[in-house]
ModelCIF file with pLDDT and N, C-alpha, C, O atoms, coordinates in Angstrom:
data_MODEL
#
_entry.id   MODEL 
#
_entity.id                         1 
_entity.type                       polymer 
_entity.pdbx_number_of_molecules   1 
#
_entity_poly.entity_id                      1 
_entity_poly.type                           'polypeptide(L)' 
_entity_poly.nstd_linkage                   no 
_entity_poly.nstd_monomer                   no 
_entity_poly.pdbx_seq_one_letter_code       RGLDDTFLLEGIRKNPYPYMKKADIIVQPSRFEGKSIVLDEAKILGK 
_entity_poly.pdbx_seq_one_letter_code_can   RGLDDTFLLEGIRKNPYPYMKKADIIVQPSRFEGKSIVLDEAKILGK 
_entity_poly.pdbx_strand_id                 A 
#
loop_
_entity_poly_seq.entity_id 
_entity_poly_seq.num 
_entity_poly_seq.mon_id 
_entity_poly_seq.hetero 
1 1  ARG n 
1 2  GLY n 
1 3  LEU n 
1 4  ASP n 
1 5  ASP n 
1 6  THR n 
1 7  PHE n 
1 8  LEU n 
1 9  LEU n 
1 10 GLU n 
1 11 GLY n 
1 12 ILE n 
1 13 ARG n 
1 14 LYS n 
1 15 ASN n 
1 16 PRO n 
1 17 TYR n 
1 18 PRO n 
1 19 TYR n 
1 20 MET n 
1 21 LYS n 
1 22 LYS n 
1 23 ALA n 
1 24 ASP n 
1 25 ILE n 
1 26 ILE n 
1 27 VAL n 
1 28 GLN n 
1 29 PRO n 
1 30 SER n 
1 31 ARG n 
1 32 PHE n 
1 33 GLU n 
1 34 GLY n 
1 35 LYS n 
1 36 SER n 
1 37 ILE n 
1 38 VAL n 
1 39 LEU n 
1 40 ASP n 
1 41 GLU n 
1 42 ALA n 
1 43 LYS n 
1 44 ILE n 
1 45 LEU n 
1 46 GLY n 
1 47 LYS n 
#
_struct_asym.id          A 
_struct_asym.entity_id   1 
#
loop_
_ma_qa_metric.id 
_ma_qa_metric.mode 
_ma_qa_metric.name 
_ma_qa_metric.software_group_id 
_ma_qa_metric.type 
1 global pLDDT . pLDDT 
2 local  pLDDT . pLDDT 
#
_ma_qa_metric_global.metric_id      1 
_ma_qa_metric_global.metric_value   95.06 
_ma_qa_metric_global.model_id       1 
_ma_qa_metric_global.ordinal_id     1 
#
loop_
_ma_qa_metric_local.label_asym_id 
_ma_qa_metric_local.label_comp_id 
_ma_qa_metric_local.label_seq_id 
_ma_qa_metric_local.metric_id 
_ma_qa_metric_local.metric_value 
_ma_qa_metric_local.model_id 
_ma_qa_metric_local.ordinal_id 
A ARG 1  2 98.00 1 1  
A GLY 2  2 98.00 1 2  
A LEU 3  2 98.00 1 3  
A ASP 4  2 97.00 1 4  
A ASP 5  2 96.00 1 5  
A THR 6  2 98.00 1 6  
A PHE 7  2 98.00 1 7  
A LEU 8  2 98.00 1 8  
A LEU 9  2 98.00 1 9  
A GLU 10 2 96.00 1 10 
A GLY 11 2 94.00 1 11 
A ILE 12 2 90.00 1 12 
A ARG 13 2 91.00 1 13 
A LYS 14 2 87.00 1 14 
A ASN 15 2 92.00 1 15 
A PRO 16 2 94.00 1 16 
A TYR 17 2 96.00 1 17 
A PRO 18 2 96.00 1 18 
A TYR 19 2 97.00 1 19 
A MET 20 2 97.00 1 20 
A LYS 21 2 96.00 1 21 
A LYS 22 2 95.00 1 22 
A ALA 23 2 97.00 1 23 
A ASP 24 2 97.00 1 24 
A ILE 25 2 98.00 1 25 
A ILE 26 2 98.00 1 26 
A VAL 27 2 98.00 1 27 
A GLN 28 2 98.00 1 28 
A PRO 29 2 98.00 1 29 
A SER 30 2 96.00 1 30 
A ARG 31 2 94.00 1 31 
A PHE 32 2 89.00 1 32 
A GLU 33 2 89.00 1 33 
A GLY 34 2 84.00 1 34 
A LYS 35 2 87.00 1 35 
A SER 36 2 91.00 1 36 
A ILE 37 2 92.00 1 37 
A VAL 38 2 95.00 1 38 
A LEU 39 2 96.00 1 39 
A ASP 40 2 94.00 1 40 
A GLU 41 2 96.00 1 41 
A ALA 42 2 97.00 1 42 
A LYS 43 2 97.00 1 43 
A ILE 44 2 96.00 1 44 
A LEU 45 2 97.00 1 45 
A GLY 46 2 97.00 1 46 
A LYS 47 2 97.00 1 47 
#
loop_
_atom_site.group_PDB 
_atom_site.id 
_atom_site.type_symbol 
_atom_site.label_atom_id 
_atom_site.label_alt_id 
_atom_site.label_comp_id 
_atom_site.label_asym_id 
_atom_site.label_entity_id 
_atom_site.label_seq_id 
_atom_site.pdbx_PDB_ins_code 
_atom_site.Cartn_x 
_atom_site.Cartn_y 
_atom_site.Cartn_z 
_atom_site.occupancy 
_atom_site.B_iso_or_equiv 
_atom_site.pdbx_formal_charge 
_atom_site.auth_seq_id 
_atom_site.auth_comp_id 
_atom_site.auth_asym_id 
_atom_site.auth_atom_id 
_atom_site.pdbx_PDB_model_num 
ATOM 1   N N  . ARG A 1 1  ? 146.100 -140.459 -29.335 1.00 98.00 ? 1  ARG A N  1 
ATOM 2   C CA . ARG A 1 1  ? 147.119 -140.084 -30.325 1.00 98.00 ? 1  ARG A CA 1 
ATOM 3   C C  . ARG A 1 1  ? 148.042 -141.249 -30.674 1.00 98.00 ? 1  ARG A C  1 
ATOM 4   O O  . ARG A 1 1  ? 148.950 -141.104 -31.493 1.00 98.00 ? 1  ARG A O  1 
ATOM 5   N N  . GLY A 1 2  ? 147.810 -142.404 -30.050 1.00 98.00 ? 2  GLY A N  1 
ATOM 6   C CA . GLY A 1 2  ? 148.656 -143.560 -30.315 1.00 98.00 ? 2  GLY A CA 1 
ATOM 7   C C  . GLY A 1 2  ? 150.066 -143.417 -29.769 1.00 98.00 ? 2  GLY A C  1 
ATOM 8   O O  . GLY A 1 2  ? 151.030 -143.845 -30.402 1.00 98.00 ? 2  GLY A O  1 
ATOM 9   N N  . LEU A 1 3  ? 150.184 -142.810 -28.585 1.00 98.00 ? 3  LEU A N  1 
ATOM 10  C CA . LEU A 1 3  ? 151.500 -142.500 -28.019 1.00 98.00 ? 3  LEU A CA 1 
ATOM 11  C C  . LEU A 1 3  ? 151.778 -143.244 -26.717 1.00 98.00 ? 3  LEU A C  1 
ATOM 12  O O  . LEU A 1 3  ? 152.622 -142.814 -25.931 1.00 98.00 ? 3  LEU A O  1 
ATOM 13  N N  . ASP A 1 4  ? 151.083 -144.351 -26.480 1.00 97.00 ? 4  ASP A N  1 
ATOM 14  C CA . ASP A 1 4  ? 151.246 -145.053 -25.199 1.00 97.00 ? 4  ASP A CA 1 
ATOM 15  C C  . ASP A 1 4  ? 152.677 -145.516 -24.958 1.00 97.00 ? 4  ASP A C  1 
ATOM 16  O O  . ASP A 1 4  ? 153.102 -145.636 -23.809 1.00 97.00 ? 4  ASP A O  1 
ATOM 17  N N  . ASP A 1 5  ? 153.425 -145.778 -26.027 1.00 96.00 ? 5  ASP A N  1 
ATOM 18  C CA . ASP A 1 5  ? 154.808 -146.223 -25.864 1.00 96.00 ? 5  ASP A CA 1 
ATOM 19  C C  . ASP A 1 5  ? 155.810 -145.103 -26.146 1.00 96.00 ? 5  ASP A C  1 
ATOM 20  O O  . ASP A 1 5  ? 157.014 -145.343 -26.234 1.00 96.00 ? 5  ASP A O  1 
ATOM 21  N N  . THR A 1 6  ? 155.296 -143.869 -26.287 1.00 98.00 ? 6  THR A N  1 
ATOM 22  C CA . THR A 1 6  ? 156.157 -142.754 -26.684 1.00 98.00 ? 6  THR A CA 1 
ATOM 23  C C  . THR A 1 6  ? 156.102 -141.586 -25.696 1.00 98.00 ? 6  THR A C  1 
ATOM 24  O O  . THR A 1 6  ? 157.130 -140.978 -25.395 1.00 98.00 ? 6  THR A O  1 
ATOM 25  N N  . PHE A 1 7  ? 154.911 -141.274 -25.194 1.00 98.00 ? 7  PHE A N  1 
ATOM 26  C CA . PHE A 1 7  ? 154.738 -140.178 -24.235 1.00 98.00 ? 7  PHE A CA 1 
ATOM 27  C C  . PHE A 1 7  ? 154.334 -140.819 -22.908 1.00 98.00 ? 7  PHE A C  1 
ATOM 28  O O  . PHE A 1 7  ? 153.203 -141.282 -22.762 1.00 98.00 ? 7  PHE A O  1 
ATOM 29  N N  . LEU A 1 8  ? 155.244 -140.846 -21.953 1.00 98.00 ? 8  LEU A N  1 
ATOM 30  C CA . LEU A 1 8  ? 155.086 -141.661 -20.751 1.00 98.00 ? 8  LEU A CA 1 
ATOM 31  C C  . LEU A 1 8  ? 154.870 -140.797 -19.507 1.00 98.00 ? 8  LEU A C  1 
ATOM 32  O O  . LEU A 1 8  ? 155.732 -140.000 -19.139 1.00 98.00 ? 8  LEU A O  1 
ATOM 33  N N  . LEU A 1 9  ? 153.720 -140.963 -18.870 1.00 98.00 ? 9  LEU A N  1 
ATOM 34  C CA . LEU A 1 9  ? 153.473 -140.325 -17.576 1.00 98.00 ? 9  LEU A CA 1 
ATOM 35  C C  . LEU A 1 9  ? 154.086 -141.234 -16.517 1.00 98.00 ? 9  LEU A C  1 
ATOM 36  O O  . LEU A 1 9  ? 153.470 -142.213 -16.096 1.00 98.00 ? 9  LEU A O  1 
ATOM 37  N N  . GLU A 1 10 ? 155.291 -140.906 -16.093 1.00 96.00 ? 10 GLU A N  1 
ATOM 38  C CA . GLU A 1 10 ? 156.087 -141.790 -15.241 1.00 96.00 ? 10 GLU A CA 1 
ATOM 39  C C  . GLU A 1 10 ? 155.733 -141.685 -13.759 1.00 96.00 ? 10 GLU A C  1 
ATOM 40  O O  . GLU A 1 10 ? 156.230 -142.461 -12.944 1.00 96.00 ? 10 GLU A O  1 
ATOM 41  N N  . GLY A 1 11 ? 154.877 -140.726 -13.413 1.00 94.00 ? 11 GLY A N  1 
ATOM 42  C CA . GLY A 1 11 ? 154.564 -140.527 -12.004 1.00 94.00 ? 11 GLY A CA 1 
ATOM 43  C C  . GLY A 1 11 ? 155.569 -139.604 -11.348 1.00 94.00 ? 11 GLY A C  1 
ATOM 44  O O  . GLY A 1 11 ? 156.461 -139.061 -12.000 1.00 94.00 ? 11 GLY A O  1 
ATOM 45  N N  . ILE A 1 12 ? 155.411 -139.437 -10.059 1.00 90.00 ? 12 ILE A N  1 
ATOM 46  C CA . ILE A 1 12 ? 156.245 -138.480 -9.333  1.00 90.00 ? 12 ILE A CA 1 
ATOM 47  C C  . ILE A 1 12 ? 157.563 -139.132 -8.925  1.00 90.00 ? 12 ILE A C  1 
ATOM 48  O O  . ILE A 1 12 ? 157.614 -140.332 -8.654  1.00 90.00 ? 12 ILE A O  1 
ATOM 49  N N  . ARG A 1 13 ? 158.603 -138.347 -8.885  1.00 91.00 ? 13 ARG A N  1 
ATOM 50  C CA . ARG A 1 13 ? 159.901 -138.776 -8.386  1.00 91.00 ? 13 ARG A CA 1 
ATOM 51  C C  . ARG A 1 13 ? 160.366 -137.756 -7.359  1.00 91.00 ? 13 ARG A C  1 
ATOM 52  O O  . ARG A 1 13 ? 160.474 -136.564 -7.648  1.00 91.00 ? 13 ARG A O  1 
ATOM 53  N N  . LYS A 1 14 ? 160.639 -138.245 -6.158  1.00 87.00 ? 14 LYS A N  1 
ATOM 54  C CA . LYS A 1 14 ? 161.123 -137.349 -5.115  1.00 87.00 ? 14 LYS A CA 1 
ATOM 55  C C  . LYS A 1 14 ? 162.432 -136.701 -5.528  1.00 87.00 ? 14 LYS A C  1 
ATOM 56  O O  . LYS A 1 14 ? 162.672 -135.528 -5.238  1.00 87.00 ? 14 LYS A O  1 
ATOM 57  N N  . ASN A 1 15 ? 163.275 -137.463 -6.203  1.00 92.00 ? 15 ASN A N  1 
ATOM 58  C CA . ASN A 1 15 ? 164.533 -136.946 -6.731  1.00 92.00 ? 15 ASN A CA 1 
ATOM 59  C C  . ASN A 1 15 ? 164.508 -137.076 -8.255  1.00 92.00 ? 15 ASN A C  1 
ATOM 60  O O  . ASN A 1 15 ? 164.830 -138.138 -8.788  1.00 92.00 ? 15 ASN A O  1 
ATOM 61  N N  . PRO A 1 16 ? 164.129 -136.006 -8.960  1.00 94.00 ? 16 PRO A N  1 
ATOM 62  C CA . PRO A 1 16 ? 164.046 -136.089 -10.424 1.00 94.00 ? 16 PRO A CA 1 
ATOM 63  C C  . PRO A 1 16 ? 165.383 -135.872 -11.126 1.00 94.00 ? 16 PRO A C  1 
ATOM 64  O O  . PRO A 1 16 ? 165.477 -136.030 -12.343 1.00 94.00 ? 16 PRO A O  1 
ATOM 65  N N  . TYR A 1 17 ? 166.422 -135.509 -10.363 1.00 96.00 ? 17 TYR A N  1 
ATOM 66  C CA . TYR A 1 17 ? 167.663 -135.075 -10.995 1.00 96.00 ? 17 TYR A CA 1 
ATOM 67  C C  . TYR A 1 17 ? 168.383 -136.161 -11.805 1.00 96.00 ? 17 TYR A C  1 
ATOM 68  O O  . TYR A 1 17 ? 168.938 -135.836 -12.855 1.00 96.00 ? 17 TYR A O  1 
ATOM 69  N N  . PRO A 1 18 ? 168.407 -137.428 -11.379 1.00 96.00 ? 18 PRO A N  1 
ATOM 70  C CA . PRO A 1 18 ? 169.063 -138.433 -12.239 1.00 96.00 ? 18 PRO A CA 1 
ATOM 71  C C  . PRO A 1 18 ? 168.383 -138.564 -13.599 1.00 96.00 ? 18 PRO A C  1 
ATOM 72  O O  . PRO A 1 18 ? 169.045 -138.830 -14.602 1.00 96.00 ? 18 PRO A O  1 
ATOM 73  N N  . TYR A 1 19 ? 167.067 -138.380 -13.634 1.00 97.00 ? 19 TYR A N  1 
ATOM 74  C CA . TYR A 1 19 ? 166.324 -138.477 -14.891 1.00 97.00 ? 19 TYR A CA 1 
ATOM 75  C C  . TYR A 1 19 ? 166.591 -137.254 -15.763 1.00 97.00 ? 19 TYR A C  1 
ATOM 76  O O  . TYR A 1 19 ? 166.715 -137.365 -16.982 1.00 97.00 ? 19 TYR A O  1 
ATOM 77  N N  . MET A 1 20 ? 166.677 -136.095 -15.127 1.00 97.00 ? 20 MET A N  1 
ATOM 78  C CA . MET A 1 20 ? 167.020 -134.882 -15.874 1.00 97.00 ? 20 MET A CA 1 
ATOM 79  C C  . MET A 1 20 ? 168.434 -134.990 -16.436 1.00 97.00 ? 20 MET A C  1 
ATOM 80  O O  . MET A 1 20 ? 168.695 -134.556 -17.557 1.00 97.00 ? 20 MET A O  1 
ATOM 81  N N  . LYS A 1 21 ? 169.348 -135.570 -15.654 1.00 96.00 ? 21 LYS A N  1 
ATOM 82  C CA . LYS A 1 21 ? 170.726 -135.726 -16.104 1.00 96.00 ? 21 LYS A CA 1 
ATOM 83  C C  . LYS A 1 21 ? 170.814 -136.657 -17.314 1.00 96.00 ? 21 LYS A C  1 
ATOM 84  O O  . LYS A 1 21 ? 171.614 -136.432 -18.222 1.00 96.00 ? 21 LYS A O  1 
ATOM 85  N N  . LYS A 1 22 ? 169.981 -137.707 -17.318 1.00 95.00 ? 22 LYS A N  1 
ATOM 86  C CA . LYS A 1 22 ? 170.001 -138.671 -18.421 1.00 95.00 ? 22 LYS A CA 1 
ATOM 87  C C  . LYS A 1 22 ? 169.366 -138.121 -19.696 1.00 95.00 ? 22 LYS A C  1 
ATOM 88  O O  . LYS A 1 22 ? 169.613 -138.638 -20.785 1.00 95.00 ? 22 LYS A O  1 
ATOM 89  N N  . ALA A 1 23 ? 168.551 -137.077 -19.564 1.00 97.00 ? 23 ALA A N  1 
ATOM 90  C CA . ALA A 1 23 ? 167.787 -136.557 -20.706 1.00 97.00 ? 23 ALA A CA 1 
ATOM 91  C C  . ALA A 1 23 ? 168.701 -136.003 -21.792 1.00 97.00 ? 23 ALA A C  1 
ATOM 92  O O  . ALA A 1 23 ? 169.768 -135.457 -21.514 1.00 97.00 ? 23 ALA A O  1 
ATOM 93  N N  . ASP A 1 24 ? 168.258 -136.157 -23.026 1.00 97.00 ? 24 ASP A N  1 
ATOM 94  C CA . ASP A 1 24 ? 168.926 -135.491 -24.142 1.00 97.00 ? 24 ASP A CA 1 
ATOM 95  C C  . ASP A 1 24 ? 168.474 -134.039 -24.238 1.00 97.00 ? 24 ASP A C  1 
ATOM 96  O O  . ASP A 1 24 ? 169.256 -133.153 -24.582 1.00 97.00 ? 24 ASP A O  1 
ATOM 97  N N  . ILE A 1 25 ? 167.200 -133.809 -23.931 1.00 98.00 ? 25 ILE A N  1 
ATOM 98  C CA . ILE A 1 25 ? 166.623 -132.455 -23.971 1.00 98.00 ? 25 ILE A CA 1 
ATOM 99  C C  . ILE A 1 25 ? 165.644 -132.318 -22.805 1.00 98.00 ? 25 ILE A C  1 
ATOM 100 O O  . ILE A 1 25 ? 164.889 -133.246 -22.515 1.00 98.00 ? 25 ILE A O  1 
ATOM 101 N N  . ILE A 1 26 ? 165.656 -131.166 -22.140 1.00 98.00 ? 26 ILE A N  1 
ATOM 102 C CA . ILE A 1 26 ? 164.624 -130.804 -21.164 1.00 98.00 ? 26 ILE A CA 1 
ATOM 103 C C  . ILE A 1 26 ? 163.635 -129.876 -21.865 1.00 98.00 ? 26 ILE A C  1 
ATOM 104 O O  . ILE A 1 26 ? 164.026 -128.857 -22.434 1.00 98.00 ? 26 ILE A O  1 
ATOM 105 N N  . VAL A 1 27 ? 162.357 -130.232 -21.822 1.00 98.00 ? 27 VAL A N  1 
ATOM 106 C CA . VAL A 1 27 ? 161.334 -129.410 -22.470 1.00 98.00 ? 27 VAL A CA 1 
ATOM 107 C C  . VAL A 1 27 ? 160.356 -128.898 -21.420 1.00 98.00 ? 27 VAL A C  1 
ATOM 108 O O  . VAL A 1 27 ? 159.862 -129.665 -20.593 1.00 98.00 ? 27 VAL A O  1 
ATOM 109 N N  . GLN A 1 28 ? 160.084 -127.607 -21.459 1.00 98.00 ? 28 GLN A N  1 
ATOM 110 C CA . GLN A 1 28 ? 159.063 -127.022 -20.584 1.00 98.00 ? 28 GLN A CA 1 
ATOM 111 C C  . GLN A 1 28 ? 158.025 -126.335 -21.458 1.00 98.00 ? 28 GLN A C  1 
ATOM 112 O O  . GLN A 1 28 ? 158.284 -125.252 -21.984 1.00 98.00 ? 28 GLN A O  1 
ATOM 113 N N  . PRO A 1 29 ? 156.835 -126.955 -21.624 1.00 98.00 ? 29 PRO A N  1 
ATOM 114 C CA . PRO A 1 29 ? 155.819 -126.428 -22.546 1.00 98.00 ? 29 PRO A CA 1 
ATOM 115 C C  . PRO A 1 29 ? 154.757 -125.562 -21.860 1.00 98.00 ? 29 PRO A C  1 
ATOM 116 O O  . PRO A 1 29 ? 153.601 -125.553 -22.283 1.00 98.00 ? 29 PRO A O  1 
ATOM 117 N N  . SER A 1 30 ? 155.138 -124.840 -20.811 1.00 96.00 ? 30 SER A N  1 
ATOM 118 C CA . SER A 1 30 ? 154.177 -124.128 -19.978 1.00 96.00 ? 30 SER A CA 1 
ATOM 119 C C  . SER A 1 30 ? 153.448 -123.005 -20.707 1.00 96.00 ? 30 SER A C  1 
ATOM 120 O O  . SER A 1 30 ? 153.975 -122.395 -21.638 1.00 96.00 ? 30 SER A O  1 
ATOM 121 N N  . ARG A 1 31 ? 152.217 -122.750 -20.256 1.00 94.00 ? 31 ARG A N  1 
ATOM 122 C CA . ARG A 1 31 ? 151.458 -121.584 -20.737 1.00 94.00 ? 31 ARG A CA 1 
ATOM 123 C C  . ARG A 1 31 ? 151.860 -120.335 -19.965 1.00 94.00 ? 31 ARG A C  1 
ATOM 124 O O  . ARG A 1 31 ? 151.858 -119.234 -20.516 1.00 94.00 ? 31 ARG A O  1 
ATOM 125 N N  . PHE A 1 32 ? 152.204 -120.501 -18.699 1.00 89.00 ? 32 PHE A N  1 
ATOM 126 C CA . PHE A 1 32 ? 152.684 -119.379 -17.895 1.00 89.00 ? 32 PHE A CA 1 
ATOM 127 C C  . PHE A 1 32 ? 153.473 -119.926 -16.714 1.00 89.00 ? 32 PHE A C  1 
ATOM 128 O O  . PHE A 1 32 ? 153.250 -121.051 -16.268 1.00 89.00 ? 32 PHE A O  1 
ATOM 129 N N  . GLU A 1 33 ? 154.390 -119.121 -16.219 1.00 89.00 ? 33 GLU A N  1 
ATOM 130 C CA . GLU A 1 33 ? 155.219 -119.441 -15.070 1.00 89.00 ? 33 GLU A CA 1 
ATOM 131 C C  . GLU A 1 33 ? 155.560 -118.141 -14.358 1.00 89.00 ? 33 GLU A C  1 
ATOM 132 O O  . GLU A 1 33 ? 155.452 -117.057 -14.930 1.00 89.00 ? 33 GLU A O  1 
ATOM 133 N N  . GLY A 1 34 ? 155.971 -118.264 -13.104 1.00 84.00 ? 34 GLY A N  1 
ATOM 134 C CA . GLY A 1 34 ? 156.569 -117.130 -12.425 1.00 84.00 ? 34 GLY A CA 1 
ATOM 135 C C  . GLY A 1 34 ? 158.057 -117.148 -12.730 1.00 84.00 ? 34 GLY A C  1 
ATOM 136 O O  . GLY A 1 34 ? 158.549 -116.371 -13.548 1.00 84.00 ? 34 GLY A O  1 
ATOM 137 N N  . LYS A 1 35 ? 158.756 -118.039 -12.066 1.00 87.00 ? 35 LYS A N  1 
ATOM 138 C CA . LYS A 1 35 ? 160.159 -118.310 -12.371 1.00 87.00 ? 35 LYS A CA 1 
ATOM 139 C C  . LYS A 1 35 ? 160.355 -119.801 -12.171 1.00 87.00 ? 35 LYS A C  1 
ATOM 140 O O  . LYS A 1 35 ? 160.169 -120.315 -11.068 1.00 87.00 ? 35 LYS A O  1 
ATOM 141 N N  . SER A 1 36 ? 160.725 -120.484 -13.218 1.00 91.00 ? 36 SER A N  1 
ATOM 142 C CA . SER A 1 36 ? 160.774 -121.939 -13.189 1.00 91.00 ? 36 SER A CA 1 
ATOM 143 C C  . SER A 1 36 ? 162.028 -122.462 -12.502 1.00 91.00 ? 36 SER A C  1 
ATOM 144 O O  . SER A 1 36 ? 163.145 -122.181 -12.937 1.00 91.00 ? 36 SER A O  1 
ATOM 145 N N  . ILE A 1 37 ? 161.842 -123.218 -11.433 1.00 92.00 ? 37 ILE A N  1 
ATOM 146 C CA . ILE A 1 37 ? 162.969 -123.865 -10.774 1.00 92.00 ? 37 ILE A CA 1 
ATOM 147 C C  . ILE A 1 37 ? 163.558 -124.943 -11.677 1.00 92.00 ? 37 ILE A C  1 
ATOM 148 O O  . ILE A 1 37 ? 164.772 -125.145 -11.693 1.00 92.00 ? 37 ILE A O  1 
ATOM 149 N N  . VAL A 1 38 ? 162.705 -125.635 -12.428 1.00 95.00 ? 38 VAL A N  1 
ATOM 150 C CA . VAL A 1 38 ? 163.180 -126.700 -13.313 1.00 95.00 ? 38 VAL A CA 1 
ATOM 151 C C  . VAL A 1 38 ? 164.187 -126.163 -14.322 1.00 95.00 ? 38 VAL A C  1 
ATOM 152 O O  . VAL A 1 38 ? 165.179 -126.831 -14.615 1.00 95.00 ? 38 VAL A O  1 
ATOM 153 N N  . LEU A 1 39 ? 163.950 -124.969 -14.858 1.00 96.00 ? 39 LEU A N  1 
ATOM 154 C CA . LEU A 1 39 ? 164.894 -124.395 -15.818 1.00 96.00 ? 39 LEU A CA 1 
ATOM 155 C C  . LEU A 1 39 ? 166.248 -124.112 -15.172 1.00 96.00 ? 39 LEU A C  1 
ATOM 156 O O  . LEU A 1 39 ? 167.290 -124.359 -15.778 1.00 96.00 ? 39 LEU A O  1 
ATOM 157 N N  . ASP A 1 40 ? 166.234 -123.599 -13.950 1.00 94.00 ? 40 ASP A N  1 
ATOM 158 C CA . ASP A 1 40 ? 167.496 -123.354 -13.255 1.00 94.00 ? 40 ASP A CA 1 
ATOM 159 C C  . ASP A 1 40 ? 168.230 -124.669 -12.988 1.00 94.00 ? 40 ASP A C  1 
ATOM 160 O O  . ASP A 1 40 ? 169.452 -124.746 -13.110 1.00 94.00 ? 40 ASP A O  1 
ATOM 161 N N  . GLU A 1 41 ? 167.467 -125.698 -12.621 1.00 96.00 ? 41 GLU A N  1 
ATOM 162 C CA . GLU A 1 41 ? 168.080 -127.002 -12.388 1.00 96.00 ? 41 GLU A CA 1 
ATOM 163 C C  . GLU A 1 41 ? 168.659 -127.587 -13.676 1.00 96.00 ? 41 GLU A C  1 
ATOM 164 O O  . GLU A 1 41 ? 169.743 -128.171 -13.669 1.00 96.00 ? 41 GLU A O  1 
ATOM 165 N N  . ALA A 1 42 ? 167.932 -127.427 -14.774 1.00 97.00 ? 42 ALA A N  1 
ATOM 166 C CA . ALA A 1 42 ? 168.416 -127.918 -16.070 1.00 97.00 ? 42 ALA A CA 1 
ATOM 167 C C  . ALA A 1 42 ? 169.704 -127.203 -16.477 1.00 97.00 ? 42 ALA A C  1 
ATOM 168 O O  . ALA A 1 42 ? 170.605 -127.814 -17.051 1.00 97.00 ? 42 ALA A O  1 
ATOM 169 N N  . LYS A 1 43 ? 169.784 -125.910 -16.178 1.00 97.00 ? 43 LYS A N  1 
ATOM 170 C CA . LYS A 1 43 ? 171.007 -125.166 -16.515 1.00 97.00 ? 43 LYS A CA 1 
ATOM 171 C C  . LYS A 1 43 ? 172.192 -125.655 -15.679 1.00 97.00 ? 43 LYS A C  1 
ATOM 172 O O  . LYS A 1 43 ? 173.304 -125.790 -16.189 1.00 97.00 ? 43 LYS A O  1 
ATOM 173 N N  . ILE A 1 44 ? 171.948 -125.920 -14.396 1.00 96.00 ? 44 ILE A N  1 
ATOM 174 C CA . ILE A 1 44 ? 173.008 -126.445 -13.535 1.00 96.00 ? 44 ILE A CA 1 
ATOM 175 C C  . ILE A 1 44 ? 173.530 -127.777 -14.082 1.00 96.00 ? 44 ILE A C  1 
ATOM 176 O O  . ILE A 1 44 ? 174.726 -128.060 -14.013 1.00 96.00 ? 44 ILE A O  1 
ATOM 177 N N  . LEU A 1 45 ? 172.617 -128.590 -14.625 1.00 97.00 ? 45 LEU A N  1 
ATOM 178 C CA . LEU A 1 45 ? 172.997 -129.891 -15.178 1.00 97.00 ? 45 LEU A CA 1 
ATOM 179 C C  . LEU A 1 45 ? 173.549 -129.799 -16.604 1.00 97.00 ? 45 LEU A C  1 
ATOM 180 O O  . LEU A 1 45 ? 174.027 -130.790 -17.155 1.00 97.00 ? 45 LEU A O  1 
ATOM 181 N N  . GLY A 1 46 ? 173.480 -128.619 -17.186 1.00 97.00 ? 46 GLY A N  1 
ATOM 182 C CA . GLY A 1 46 ? 174.020 -128.416 -18.534 1.00 97.00 ? 46 GLY A CA 1 
ATOM 183 C C  . GLY A 1 46 ? 173.231 -129.132 -19.616 1.00 97.00 ? 46 GLY A C  1 
ATOM 184 O O  . GLY A 1 46 ? 173.814 -129.722 -20.526 1.00 97.00 ? 46 GLY A O  1 
ATOM 185 N N  . LYS A 1 47 ? 171.898 -129.081 -19.521 1.00 97.00 ? 47 LYS A N  1 
ATOM 186 C CA . LYS A 1 47 ? 171.063 -129.772 -20.498 1.00 97.00 ? 47 LYS A CA 1 
ATOM 187 C C  . LYS A 1 47 ? 170.525 -128.798 -21.548 1.00 97.00 ? 47 LYS A C  1 
ATOM 188 O O  . LYS A 1 47 ? 169.799 -129.206 -22.455 1.00 97.00 ? 47 LYS A O  1 
#
């Protein structure tokens, strides 16, 4: 898709919260979930 400089697979982060805090938007494009911890974390961070 020509997105090598736009869509970045950054690898795993043991502590993802500083990156979530820096984000302008948190996006969760899931097909299904039970209850997403990431969404609760994003709400705590006010994103």
